[in-house]
Structure formats: structure tokens, C-alpha cells
Amino acid sequence: MVEELAQADDVVAACVDAPAWPLPEHDLIAALDAAHRLQQRLAAVTLTLIREIDGRGTAHTQGASSTAVWLRERLRLTVPAARRLIDLATALDTGNPGIRQALADGAISQDQARVIADTVDTVSTSADAVTADKAVGVLVGWAAQFDPTHLRKLGTRILDHVAPDIADAAAQAALDAEARRATRDRHLTLSEQTDGRLRLTGTLDAETASLLRAAIDPLSAPSGPDDQRSAAQRRHDALADLCRLTLRTTELPEHGGDPAQIVVTTSYDGLTRQLSSGALDTGLGLTPEAVRLLACDATLLPAVLGGAGQVLDVGRQRRLITGPLRRALVLRDRGCAFPGCDRPPRWCHAHHIHHWADGGTTSLANAVLLCGHHHRHLHHSDWTVHLSGDGHPEFVPPAWLDPEQLPRRNHYHRRT
């Protein structure tokens, strides 16, 4: 298969470099149809490979917490996109084989295959295999005319066409299935931009959407007749107000032994003279005005930094990695330090590089921040960790994974 895919890659590469402008219109359209059909057939191959990788447990063998996380690191996907691929690969492998065949033939798109798989899964709860096969045939035929959104709408009444005697019961099953899909597909993604801003994308289920609207609508009303903000800007400012109100409560859970907090790194002289910019523990930069605004309603925690930005002291050291020492660890690692992991500090444990039971000290030079999965993985695998010359953690993979055992770093939490 590897050799055949390499040959296909060479053929596609030749097409990439071929100019499209000399093609007459009917050839141009035919080439588009052929490229789209080939894309779907390759998607069927990709899903087969993903299903096999997931079934073998390859991700866990190589140190990832899940196949979705492994795919994100390997293929540079988002985790929600990787999960959707895994779900579809599972559905095509364990469900009706006609869907996979239609995708492999290029008769349907990957998105249409997902819709048909979801619909047939719903049908199967109310009907037998013969009826499910009929549903696949009808939906694949409709796919030649309708996009995935319209196809999903048509699919809600598919039994009216293939099994009208059980259609009403199936309609209720479809509503239940849609609720399950809403729960499965819920997600919120926070993407850092290069200028320090944050992009929010996601899909909220119906209950969460109603909660957000109830909380944000009163705060996003115009402040008066002279309010020049757009509706989107007012919602942005309302979300900021909502976060401030929430952080002032005492009901938020602790993060690794500390209450919910914002950590800002700046200089004391610059703060008092209103001249110094600052940086959050997430790496985002702040203007001098923003630093002073946060300091008005904060407990100041002194942090002494070396010339290269290493944390030298953050108050009194304790036996356990909590309090000031944990804050120093968060400032340095900014999240799980294991290569390829993007889990934030609040999900992480503080790990002794040289174990406490073996005489290791509780100090910044002997600590690394790890999420629960990678903390367990490091204890039960041949991976090792040490601090490099610049004071940041590096992980050495086992020889079976990398014969050269080149040290690896986490790049998801870098500030530059």
C-alpha cells in the first residue's frame, strides 16, 4: 500500500504543476469532478488507516493520551477534527459496508458519508438490517443531488420512504440521536493569535447556549444612546465582564492547590512608575495600562527573573510543589511540558524529575509540569526528562521509538 500511495502521490504532484488556464471549460469542469472524486477515494483509504491505528492502540504505545491527540500531532489537525475522523472511521468499519463502498467509489463525499452513517445508525435502532440497507441505497442516490445539510434534513424522514409502518417511532429515535450528537460534538477552541489576541470558536449544545445567552445578554445591552460599539463588540465586553464577575466569587475550583488566579510578570519599578509592560503566565503580552488595571484588584506576588527570563525565586519554598513554587513552574513550563501536549497548567501535576522517594529535592530545578496522562506515562515507560542548559525541560524518547534518542521539547506553550 505504501508503494502504491507513493505512485499516486507522484501522479498528483504532476497535476499540481500542470497549468489549468489552457483547459477548455468542459475539461476544466471534468478535471474538478475527477479531483473531487479522487479526494473522496483517498479519504476512504485514510479512514481505513485511522481505524487500524486506533484499534492497535498505536497512540498509547507512542505516549499520546488518545488517538485524537496523536493525530493532531502527526497530521497537524485540531483535536475536534481528529475525533470526527475517528468516529467516522469507526462507523464505516462497524456499520453498513455500503457507505464505505460509496465513499471509496467517489460517489459520495466524506461529509455526506458522515450524514448517512448518522442516519443509518438512527434507523438501525428502529428497523432491521434489510431496512437499513434500503436506507443507505436511497441516501446514496440522494447524495448525487443534495449537499450534506439538505441530506441530513431528508434523512430525518427516510423511513417514510423505506419503512412507513415504523416511521413515527423512528422520528422520536432521530430526535434522541440528534441530542446525542449535540452532546458529542460540543467543543470550545481557544486559539492564540500572534498579536496576543485570542480567537474563540466552537459549538455549544442547546442547554449551554441558553445559559450563555441568559448570562451575557443583560451585560451586552447598549450602555446609552451614545454607545458606538457594534453588537459583536458589546458581546465581547460582556464576556469580559462575566469573567471578572466569576473570578470574584469563591466558588471556582482550585488549580493545583491554588485558587483561580491571573499571574502577571512585570517589574516592580516599572509597575510603580506606570511604564512597564507585562506578560500573563499564558504568554500573552499586556500594555502598561492593562498591567496596572489588573494590579488594582490583585495580590502582588514577587517573582525575580534572571537575564534570560529564568525564574530564580517566587517567595518561600515549600516541601510540596504548591504555592509560590508551583507558580514558578507554571511561569516556566506554561502547561504540560511533554512533547506534543497542549494541556494547560490547571490540568497538570508537578513531577519530581529525580523522585522525592529517591532523595530528590522539591525545587524548580527538579520539577516539571505534566498532565495526568503524561505523568503516569513517564512513570511507566522508558521516556526520561531533564532540564537543558537554558533551564527548560527536554524529553528523551526510548530507543525503540527513536534509535538516535534525540531530545524533544514541547512547542505548544512557547511564547515566541
Protein backbone atom coordinates (compact mmCIF):
# COMPACT_ATOMS: atom_id res chain seq x y z
CA MET A 1 0.00 0.00 0.00
CA VAL A 2 2.85 2.40 0.81
CA GLU A 3 4.38 1.96 -2.66
CA GLU A 4 1.02 2.41 -4.39
CA LEU A 5 0.28 5.57 -2.42
CA ALA A 6 3.74 6.88 -3.34
CA GLN A 7 2.96 6.31 -7.02
CA ALA A 8 -0.37 8.09 -6.63
CA ASP A 9 1.45 10.96 -4.92
CA ASP A 10 3.75 11.32 -7.95
CA VAL A 11 0.77 11.44 -10.30
CA VAL A 12 -0.99 14.08 -8.21
CA ALA A 13 2.23 16.10 -7.97
CA ALA A 14 2.36 16.23 -11.76
CA CYS A 15 -1.19 17.58 -11.82
CA VAL A 16 -0.34 20.25 -9.23
CA ASP A 17 2.28 21.74 -11.55
CA ALA A 18 0.12 21.49 -14.68
CA PRO A 19 -1.47 24.83 -15.67
CA ALA A 20 -5.26 24.95 -15.64
CA TRP A 21 -5.74 28.05 -17.78
CA PRO A 22 -5.32 26.27 -21.21
CA LEU A 23 -8.20 23.85 -20.45
CA PRO A 24 -11.50 24.46 -22.25
CA GLU A 25 -14.42 24.88 -19.88
CA HIS A 26 -15.81 21.33 -20.20
CA ASP A 27 -12.35 19.86 -19.49
CA LEU A 28 -11.88 22.23 -16.57
CA ILE A 29 -15.14 21.05 -15.01
CA ALA A 30 -14.30 17.41 -15.75
CA ALA A 31 -10.91 17.84 -14.04
CA LEU A 32 -12.63 19.35 -10.98
CA ASP A 33 -15.04 16.41 -10.80
CA ALA A 34 -12.16 13.93 -11.13
CA ALA A 35 -10.08 15.67 -8.44
CA HIS A 36 -13.05 15.74 -6.06
CA ARG A 37 -13.81 12.05 -6.68
CA LEU A 38 -10.15 11.17 -6.07
CA GLN A 39 -10.18 13.18 -2.85
CA GLN A 40 -13.11 11.14 -1.52
CA ARG A 41 -11.49 7.84 -2.50
CA LEU A 42 -8.32 8.86 -0.67
CA ALA A 43 -10.49 9.80 2.31
CA ALA A 44 -11.76 6.21 2.39
CA VAL A 45 -8.15 4.97 2.49
CA THR A 46 -7.27 7.47 5.23
CA LEU A 47 -10.23 6.37 7.36
CA THR A 48 -9.23 2.71 6.98
CA LEU A 49 -5.72 3.52 8.20
CA ILE A 50 -7.04 5.61 11.11
CA ARG A 51 -9.33 2.78 12.17
CA GLU A 52 -6.43 0.32 12.19
CA ILE A 53 -4.16 2.71 14.14
CA ASP A 54 -6.92 3.32 16.67
CA GLY A 55 -7.63 -0.41 17.01
CA ARG A 56 -3.97 -1.27 17.59
CA GLY A 57 -3.53 1.34 20.31
CA THR A 58 -0.63 2.93 18.43
CA ALA A 59 -1.25 6.30 20.07
CA HIS A 60 -0.85 4.95 23.61
CA THR A 61 2.24 2.97 22.60
CA GLN A 62 3.88 6.17 21.40
CA GLY A 63 2.98 8.14 24.51
CA ALA A 64 -0.14 10.05 23.42
CA SER A 65 -3.19 10.18 25.66
CA SER A 66 -5.54 9.27 22.80
CA THR A 67 -5.66 8.62 19.08
CA ALA A 68 -7.15 12.09 18.55
CA VAL A 69 -4.21 13.76 20.29
CA TRP A 70 -1.76 11.58 18.34
CA LEU A 71 -3.43 12.54 15.03
CA ARG A 72 -3.26 16.21 15.97
CA GLU A 73 0.49 15.93 16.48
CA ARG A 74 1.09 13.67 13.48
CA LEU A 75 -1.19 15.31 10.89
CA ARG A 76 -1.44 18.80 12.43
CA LEU A 77 -5.20 18.54 12.88
CA THR A 78 -7.34 20.07 15.58
CA VAL A 79 -8.49 17.57 18.19
CA PRO A 80 -12.21 18.00 17.30
CA ALA A 81 -11.39 17.33 13.62
CA ALA A 82 -9.36 14.26 14.59
CA ARG A 83 -12.20 12.95 16.75
CA ARG A 84 -14.66 13.33 13.89
CA LEU A 85 -12.35 11.29 11.65
CA ILE A 86 -12.07 8.55 14.27
CA ASP A 87 -15.84 8.47 14.78
CA LEU A 88 -16.44 8.23 11.03
CA ALA A 89 -13.76 5.57 10.59
CA THR A 90 -15.41 3.51 13.33
CA ALA A 91 -18.88 3.98 11.85
CA LEU A 92 -17.77 2.91 8.37
CA ASP A 93 -15.94 -0.11 9.76
CA THR A 94 -18.65 -1.39 12.10
CA GLY A 95 -21.77 -0.12 10.32
CA ASN A 96 -23.24 -0.64 6.89
CA PRO A 97 -20.45 -1.51 4.37
CA GLY A 98 -22.39 0.19 1.59
CA ILE A 99 -21.45 3.62 2.97
CA ARG A 100 -17.73 2.91 2.88
CA GLN A 101 -18.02 1.47 -0.62
CA ALA A 102 -19.85 4.56 -1.86
CA LEU A 103 -17.09 6.76 -0.43
CA ALA A 104 -14.38 4.51 -1.90
CA ASP A 105 -16.11 4.75 -5.29
CA GLY A 106 -16.15 8.54 -5.05
CA ALA A 107 -19.95 8.51 -5.25
CA ILE A 108 -20.37 10.48 -2.01
CA SER A 109 -18.25 12.98 -0.11
CA GLN A 110 -16.76 12.48 3.32
CA ASP A 111 -19.30 14.89 4.85
CA GLN A 112 -22.15 13.06 3.12
CA ALA A 113 -20.78 9.75 4.41
CA ARG A 114 -20.90 11.14 7.94
CA VAL A 115 -24.54 12.21 7.50
CA ILE A 116 -25.54 8.84 6.02
CA ALA A 117 -23.73 6.94 8.79
CA ASP A 118 -25.50 9.00 11.47
CA THR A 119 -28.87 8.48 9.76
CA VAL A 120 -28.40 4.73 9.33
CA ASP A 121 -27.30 4.45 12.96
CA THR A 122 -30.62 6.03 13.92
CA VAL A 123 -32.57 3.80 11.55
CA SER A 124 -30.89 0.69 12.98
CA THR A 125 -32.37 1.41 16.41
CA SER A 126 -35.88 1.04 14.97
CA ALA A 127 -35.53 -1.23 11.94
CA ASP A 128 -33.80 -4.39 10.79
CA ALA A 129 -30.68 -4.75 8.64
CA VAL A 130 -32.66 -5.04 5.41
CA THR A 131 -34.35 -1.70 6.06
CA ALA A 132 -31.00 -0.14 6.94
CA ASP A 133 -29.57 -1.36 3.61
CA LYS A 134 -32.51 0.20 1.77
CA ALA A 135 -31.93 3.48 3.63
CA VAL A 136 -28.28 3.51 2.56
CA GLY A 137 -29.25 2.95 -1.06
CA VAL A 138 -31.79 5.77 -1.04
CA LEU A 139 -29.45 8.21 0.76
CA VAL A 140 -26.51 7.43 -1.55
CA GLY A 141 -28.81 8.12 -4.50
CA TRP A 142 -29.94 11.41 -2.98
CA ALA A 143 -26.30 12.37 -2.34
CA ALA A 144 -25.88 12.98 -6.07
CA GLN A 145 -28.39 15.85 -5.77
CA PHE A 146 -28.19 17.21 -2.24
CA ASP A 147 -25.45 18.71 -0.05
CA PRO A 148 -24.82 17.27 3.47
CA THR A 149 -27.10 19.78 5.22
CA HIS A 150 -30.07 19.06 2.98
CA LEU A 151 -29.27 15.35 3.05
CA ARG A 152 -29.47 15.34 6.85
CA LYS A 153 -32.88 17.02 6.74
CA LEU A 154 -34.13 14.45 4.25
CA GLY A 155 -32.69 11.66 6.37
CA THR A 156 -34.91 12.54 9.32
CA ARG A 157 -37.86 11.11 7.37
CA ILE A 158 -36.04 8.35 5.46
CA LEU A 159 -38.30 5.66 6.91
CA ASP A 160 -41.27 7.31 5.21
CA HIS A 161 -39.67 6.02 2.01
CA VAL A 162 -38.26 2.63 3.05
CA ALA A 163 -40.45 1.54 6.02
CA PRO A 164 -43.51 3.80 6.51
CA ASP A 165 -45.03 1.45 9.10
CA ILE A 166 -42.37 2.33 11.70
CA ALA A 167 -41.67 5.91 10.61
CA ASP A 168 -43.31 7.66 13.60
CA ALA A 169 -41.37 5.66 16.18
CA ALA A 170 -38.18 6.26 14.27
CA ALA A 171 -38.80 10.01 14.20
CA GLN A 172 -38.57 10.05 18.00
CA ALA A 173 -35.42 7.97 17.82
CA ALA A 174 -33.98 10.52 15.39
CA LEU A 175 -34.61 13.32 17.88
CA ASP A 176 -32.85 11.33 20.59
CA ALA A 177 -29.92 10.65 18.26
CA GLU A 178 -29.64 14.33 17.39
CA ALA A 179 -29.43 15.13 21.10
CA ARG A 180 -26.62 12.58 21.48
CA ARG A 181 -24.77 14.10 18.52
CA ALA A 182 -25.12 17.56 20.03
CA THR A 183 -23.52 16.24 23.22
CA ARG A 184 -20.75 14.50 21.27
CA ASP A 185 -19.93 17.48 19.04
CA ARG A 186 -19.88 20.16 21.74
CA HIS A 187 -16.50 21.90 21.93
CA LEU A 188 -14.83 25.24 22.54
CA THR A 189 -11.45 26.04 20.99
CA LEU A 190 -9.19 28.88 22.17
CA SER A 191 -6.60 29.78 19.51
CA GLU A 192 -3.83 32.22 20.33
CA GLN A 193 -3.01 34.74 17.61
CA THR A 194 0.44 36.19 17.05
CA ASP A 195 -0.50 39.62 18.40
CA GLY A 196 -1.65 38.28 21.77
CA ARG A 197 -5.36 38.15 21.00
CA LEU A 198 -7.47 35.02 21.33
CA ARG A 199 -9.91 33.55 18.79
CA LEU A 200 -12.88 31.63 20.20
CA THR A 201 -14.58 29.02 18.03
CA GLY A 202 -16.85 26.18 18.95
CA THR A 203 -20.30 24.67 19.10
CA LEU A 204 -22.45 24.83 22.22
CA ASP A 205 -25.22 22.38 22.96
CA ALA A 206 -28.72 23.81 23.43
CA GLU A 207 -28.55 23.94 27.23
CA THR A 208 -25.16 25.66 27.34
CA ALA A 209 -26.24 28.09 24.62
CA SER A 210 -29.26 29.11 26.68
CA LEU A 211 -27.08 29.55 29.78
CA LEU A 212 -24.62 31.75 27.88
CA ARG A 213 -27.38 33.89 26.41
CA ALA A 214 -29.04 34.30 29.79
CA ALA A 215 -25.75 35.42 31.33
CA ILE A 216 -24.40 37.58 28.50
CA ASP A 217 -27.49 39.29 27.09
CA PRO A 218 -28.07 41.64 30.08
CA LEU A 219 -24.39 42.65 30.00
CA SER A 220 -24.30 43.27 26.25
CA ALA A 221 -27.06 45.86 26.04
CA PRO A 222 -26.00 49.34 24.83
CA SER A 223 -24.82 51.47 27.74
CA GLY A 224 -26.68 54.51 26.42
CA PRO A 225 -27.65 56.48 23.34
CA ASP A 226 -24.00 57.43 22.72
CA ASP A 227 -22.70 53.84 22.81
CA GLN A 228 -20.86 53.45 19.49
CA ARG A 229 -19.90 49.78 19.95
CA SER A 230 -21.18 47.20 17.50
CA ALA A 231 -23.29 44.29 18.77
CA ALA A 232 -20.27 41.96 18.42
CA GLN A 233 -18.09 44.37 20.40
CA ARG A 234 -20.72 44.63 23.13
CA ARG A 235 -20.84 40.81 23.40
CA HIS A 236 -17.03 40.75 23.66
CA ASP A 237 -17.08 43.29 26.50
CA ALA A 238 -19.94 41.40 28.17
CA LEU A 239 -17.87 38.21 28.16
CA ALA A 240 -15.01 40.12 29.82
CA ASP A 241 -17.42 41.42 32.49
CA LEU A 242 -18.77 37.91 33.01
CA CYS A 243 -15.24 36.54 33.56
CA ARG A 244 -14.43 39.31 36.04
CA LEU A 245 -17.62 38.65 37.98
CA THR A 246 -16.88 34.91 38.05
CA LEU A 247 -13.29 35.37 39.26
CA ARG A 248 -14.54 37.45 42.17
CA THR A 249 -16.57 34.55 43.52
CA THR A 250 -15.22 31.95 45.94
CA GLU A 251 -16.85 29.01 44.17
CA LEU A 252 -14.28 28.26 41.44
CA PRO A 253 -12.23 25.06 41.89
CA GLU A 254 -8.55 25.29 42.78
CA HIS A 255 -5.74 24.87 40.26
CA GLY A 256 -3.09 22.53 41.65
CA GLY A 257 -3.53 23.78 45.22
CA ASP A 258 -4.00 27.47 44.35
CA PRO A 259 -7.25 29.41 43.97
CA ALA A 260 -8.22 30.62 40.48
CA GLN A 261 -5.91 33.49 39.60
CA ILE A 262 -4.22 35.53 36.90
CA VAL A 263 -0.40 35.66 37.10
CA VAL A 264 1.25 38.72 35.54
CA THR A 265 5.03 39.03 35.21
CA THR A 266 6.38 42.60 35.26
CA SER A 267 9.00 44.66 37.08
CA TYR A 268 8.22 46.37 40.37
CA ASP A 269 9.90 49.67 39.42
CA GLY A 270 8.11 49.72 36.10
CA LEU A 271 4.78 48.98 37.76
CA THR A 272 5.10 51.78 40.28
CA ARG A 273 6.27 54.23 37.61
CA GLN A 274 3.45 53.15 35.22
CA LEU A 275 5.99 52.35 32.50
CA SER A 276 6.35 48.58 32.42
CA SER A 277 4.54 46.19 30.12
CA GLY A 278 3.85 42.67 31.39
CA ALA A 279 3.15 39.10 30.38
CA LEU A 280 0.50 36.65 31.56
CA ASP A 281 1.52 33.12 32.57
CA THR A 282 -0.11 32.01 29.30
CA GLY A 283 2.50 34.04 27.38
CA LEU A 284 0.21 36.88 26.24
CA GLY A 285 1.65 40.38 26.43
CA LEU A 286 -0.05 43.26 28.28
CA THR A 287 0.26 47.01 27.94
CA PRO A 288 1.37 49.06 30.98
CA GLU A 289 -2.23 50.26 31.38
CA ALA A 290 -3.57 46.69 31.44
CA VAL A 291 -0.94 45.63 33.99
CA ARG A 292 -1.90 48.43 36.37
CA LEU A 293 -5.61 47.74 35.86
CA LEU A 294 -5.15 44.11 36.92
CA ALA A 295 -2.88 45.14 39.81
CA CYS A 296 -5.64 47.36 41.23
CA ASP A 297 -7.65 44.26 42.18
CA ALA A 298 -4.88 41.72 42.82
CA THR A 299 -2.45 40.30 45.32
CA LEU A 300 1.07 41.08 44.11
CA LEU A 301 3.32 38.00 44.09
CA PRO A 302 7.01 38.95 43.64
CA ALA A 303 8.92 36.94 41.03
CA VAL A 304 12.63 37.50 40.49
CA LEU A 305 13.76 36.72 36.93
CA GLY A 306 17.29 36.19 35.61
CA GLY A 307 18.63 37.88 32.49
CA ALA A 308 17.42 35.06 30.21
CA GLY A 309 13.99 35.02 31.83
CA GLN A 310 14.63 32.06 34.16
CA VAL A 311 12.55 32.16 37.35
CA LEU A 312 15.05 32.49 40.20
CA ASP A 313 12.74 32.99 43.18
CA VAL A 314 8.99 33.23 43.77
CA GLY A 315 8.79 33.56 47.52
CA ARG A 316 9.38 30.95 50.22
CA GLN A 317 9.97 27.36 49.08
CA ARG A 318 7.70 24.64 50.48
CA ARG A 319 8.14 20.91 50.75
CA LEU A 320 5.34 20.18 48.27
CA ILE A 321 5.23 21.72 44.82
CA THR A 322 2.42 24.16 45.59
CA GLY A 323 2.04 27.85 46.23
CA PRO A 324 4.94 30.03 45.05
CA LEU A 325 6.96 27.09 43.71
CA ARG A 326 4.08 25.87 41.56
CA ARG A 327 3.54 29.39 40.26
CA ALA A 328 7.20 29.48 39.23
CA LEU A 329 6.77 26.13 37.48
CA VAL A 330 3.72 27.44 35.60
CA LEU A 331 5.63 30.55 34.54
CA ARG A 332 8.41 28.36 33.13
CA ASP A 333 6.53 25.43 31.52
CA ARG A 334 3.15 27.15 30.81
CA GLY A 335 1.40 23.78 30.56
CA CYS A 336 2.20 20.10 30.21
CA ALA A 337 5.83 20.01 29.06
CA PHE A 338 5.63 16.61 27.33
CA PRO A 339 6.23 16.95 23.56
CA GLY A 340 3.01 17.42 21.59
CA CYS A 341 0.74 18.07 24.59
CA ASP A 342 -1.27 21.30 24.79
CA ARG A 343 -2.99 20.80 28.14
CA PRO A 344 -2.98 23.95 30.30
CA PRO A 345 -1.41 24.35 33.75
CA ARG A 346 -4.67 23.81 35.65
CA TRP A 347 -4.82 20.22 34.30
CA CYS A 348 -1.23 19.43 35.30
CA HIS A 349 0.66 17.79 38.14
CA ALA A 350 4.10 18.84 39.33
CA HIS A 351 6.52 15.94 38.78
CA HIS A 352 9.85 15.47 40.57
CA ILE A 353 12.48 14.75 37.89
CA HIS A 354 14.63 12.98 40.49
CA HIS A 355 11.97 11.29 42.59
CA TRP A 356 11.34 12.56 46.10
CA ALA A 357 11.49 9.00 47.43
CA ASP A 358 14.99 8.67 45.96
CA GLY A 359 16.29 11.81 47.61
CA GLY A 360 15.22 14.37 45.01
CA THR A 361 14.66 17.90 46.22
CA THR A 362 11.48 19.95 45.90
CA SER A 363 12.85 22.75 43.78
CA LEU A 364 12.30 24.36 40.41
CA ALA A 365 15.46 22.69 39.09
CA ASN A 366 13.97 19.28 39.92
CA ALA A 367 10.39 19.79 38.75
CA VAL A 368 8.43 19.62 35.51
CA LEU A 369 4.75 20.24 34.79
CA LEU A 370 2.89 17.20 33.37
CA CYS A 371 -0.77 16.44 32.68
CA GLY A 372 -2.22 13.37 34.38
CA HIS A 373 -1.76 11.11 31.35
CA HIS A 374 1.86 12.06 30.69
CA HIS A 375 2.69 12.00 34.39
CA ARG A 376 1.59 8.35 34.51
CA HIS A 377 3.24 7.63 31.16
CA LEU A 378 6.60 8.97 32.32
CA HIS A 379 6.47 6.79 35.43
CA HIS A 380 5.66 3.63 33.45
CA SER A 381 7.69 3.99 30.26
CA ASP A 382 11.28 4.40 29.09
CA TRP A 383 10.97 8.12 28.43
CA THR A 384 13.28 10.31 30.53
CA VAL A 385 13.27 14.04 31.24
CA HIS A 386 15.95 16.53 32.20
CA LEU A 387 16.44 20.29 32.20
CA SER A 388 18.56 21.58 29.34
CA GLY A 389 21.22 24.26 29.57
CA ASP A 390 18.65 27.04 29.24
CA GLY A 391 16.64 25.66 32.16
CA HIS A 392 13.73 24.24 30.17
CA PRO A 393 12.63 20.57 30.14
CA GLU A 394 13.65 18.15 27.38
CA PHE A 395 12.34 14.61 26.97
CA VAL A 396 14.40 11.72 25.60
CA PRO A 397 12.34 9.03 23.82
CA PRO A 398 13.09 5.31 24.24
CA ALA A 399 15.48 3.73 21.73
CA TRP A 400 12.72 1.63 20.12
CA LEU A 401 10.86 4.82 19.19
CA ASP A 402 13.90 6.87 18.15
CA PRO A 403 17.20 4.96 17.80
CA GLU A 404 19.12 8.25 17.97
CA GLN A 405 17.19 9.28 21.10
CA LEU A 406 17.19 12.95 20.17
CA PRO A 407 15.77 15.16 22.95
CA ARG A 408 12.33 16.61 22.24
CA ARG A 409 10.60 19.72 23.54
CA ASN A 410 7.03 20.90 23.77
CA HIS A 411 6.36 23.69 21.25
CA TYR A 412 2.72 24.36 22.05
CA HIS A 413 3.46 26.64 25.01
CA ARG A 414 6.27 28.73 23.52
CA ARG A 415 5.77 32.47 23.82
CA THR A 416 7.68 33.24 20.62
